[in-house]
Amino acid sequence: MMKKSKLEHSDFAGEFTDDGVTVLVDIFRKAGSTDGWMLEVIDQEEGLTVWEEPFPTDKEAFEEFLATVERDGIRSFLEEPEADVSVH
C-alpha cells in the first residue's frame, strides 16, 4: 500500500462568502515541506477550480484568490457547467 502524504493547510484556507455565494478556499502543501502552496476553490455544487502552479507563500495564494474574485466575481467559480474542474 502507498502511504498517503499528510497536508499542511494554511490559516487563510476556509469558507469565503461574497454576493450570496459561499465557496471553500483550500490552500495547502505537503506537511513539513518548503514546497509551494497549492490553491483550490470548491463551490456549493462541489465543482473544483484548481490553479496549476504553486505559490511561494500561502498569503500570495490567498491574494490571487481575492484578485480573481475582484476581477471576475465569485460567481465565476460557478460558471463551468460542462466541466467539473476549472484550471487557472
Protein backbone atom coordinates (compact mmCIF):
# COMPACT_ATOMS: atom_id res chain seq x y z
CA MET A 1 0.00 0.00 0.00
CA MET A 2 1.17 3.52 -0.75
CA LYS A 3 1.49 5.86 2.19
CA LYS A 4 -0.69 8.93 1.78
CA SER A 5 1.12 12.27 2.25
CA LYS A 6 -0.09 14.47 5.06
CA LEU A 7 -1.02 18.00 4.12
CA GLU A 8 -0.47 21.28 5.88
CA HIS A 9 -3.37 23.70 5.43
CA SER A 10 -2.92 27.46 5.52
CA ASP A 11 -4.58 29.70 8.06
CA PHE A 12 -6.01 31.52 5.01
CA ALA A 13 -7.98 28.41 3.99
CA GLY A 14 -11.68 28.26 4.82
CA GLU A 15 -15.10 29.39 3.72
CA PHE A 16 -15.44 32.66 1.83
CA THR A 17 -18.79 34.33 1.12
CA ASP A 18 -19.48 37.15 -1.30
CA ASP A 19 -22.63 38.20 -3.18
CA GLY A 20 -24.63 35.42 -1.52
CA VAL A 21 -22.26 32.70 -2.74
CA THR A 22 -20.06 30.66 -0.38
CA VAL A 23 -17.01 28.75 -1.59
CA LEU A 24 -14.36 26.75 0.23
CA VAL A 25 -10.84 28.08 -0.35
CA ASP A 26 -8.22 25.37 0.21
CA ILE A 27 -4.57 26.41 0.37
CA PHE A 28 -2.20 23.58 1.21
CA ARG A 29 1.18 21.92 0.75
CA LYS A 30 2.86 18.68 1.77
CA ALA A 31 3.36 18.76 5.56
CA GLY A 32 6.86 19.60 6.68
CA SER A 33 7.98 20.71 3.23
CA THR A 34 9.07 24.01 1.76
CA ASP A 35 7.20 23.26 -1.46
CA GLY A 36 4.93 25.91 -2.88
CA TRP A 37 1.33 26.31 -1.77
CA MET A 38 -1.49 24.92 -3.92
CA LEU A 39 -4.79 26.78 -4.32
CA GLU A 40 -8.17 25.14 -4.93
CA VAL A 41 -11.68 26.55 -4.71
CA ILE A 42 -14.69 24.27 -4.18
CA ASP A 43 -18.12 25.73 -4.96
CA GLN A 44 -21.51 24.94 -3.43
CA GLU A 45 -22.12 22.21 -6.04
CA GLU A 46 -18.69 20.65 -5.33
CA GLY A 47 -17.22 21.99 -8.59
CA LEU A 48 -13.46 22.34 -8.31
CA THR A 49 -11.24 25.17 -9.58
CA VAL A 50 -7.51 24.42 -9.42
CA TRP A 51 -4.52 26.67 -10.03
CA GLU A 52 -1.84 24.63 -11.79
CA GLU A 53 1.22 26.43 -10.47
CA PRO A 54 2.08 26.55 -6.77
CA PHE A 55 2.53 29.86 -4.97
CA PRO A 56 5.68 30.76 -3.00
CA THR A 57 3.60 31.66 0.09
CA ASP A 58 0.13 30.91 1.34
CA LYS A 59 -0.55 34.66 1.50
CA GLU A 60 0.21 35.01 -2.22
CA ALA A 61 -2.19 32.16 -2.97
CA PHE A 62 -4.95 33.85 -0.97
CA GLU A 63 -4.22 37.21 -2.62
CA GLU A 64 -4.61 35.52 -6.03
CA PHE A 65 -7.98 34.13 -4.94
CA LEU A 66 -9.08 37.62 -3.79
CA ALA A 67 -7.85 39.19 -7.04
CA THR A 68 -9.85 36.62 -9.03
CA VAL A 69 -12.99 37.42 -7.02
CA GLU A 70 -12.39 41.16 -7.52
CA ARG A 71 -11.71 40.80 -11.27
CA ASP A 72 -14.21 38.08 -12.26
CA GLY A 73 -16.65 37.91 -9.34
CA ILE A 74 -17.24 34.99 -7.03
CA ARG A 75 -19.86 33.62 -9.42
CA SER A 76 -17.09 32.92 -11.93
CA PHE A 77 -16.38 29.78 -9.89
CA LEU A 78 -19.94 28.58 -10.66
CA GLU A 79 -19.95 29.19 -14.42
CA GLU A 80 -18.43 25.95 -15.75
CA PRO A 81 -21.40 23.58 -16.24
CA GLU A 82 -19.63 21.44 -18.87
CA ALA A 83 -16.63 20.57 -16.71
CA ASP A 84 -16.18 19.61 -13.09
CA VAL A 85 -12.67 21.04 -12.94
CA SER A 86 -11.55 24.53 -13.95
CA VAL A 87 -7.84 25.25 -14.19
CA HIS A 88 -6.22 28.66 -13.69
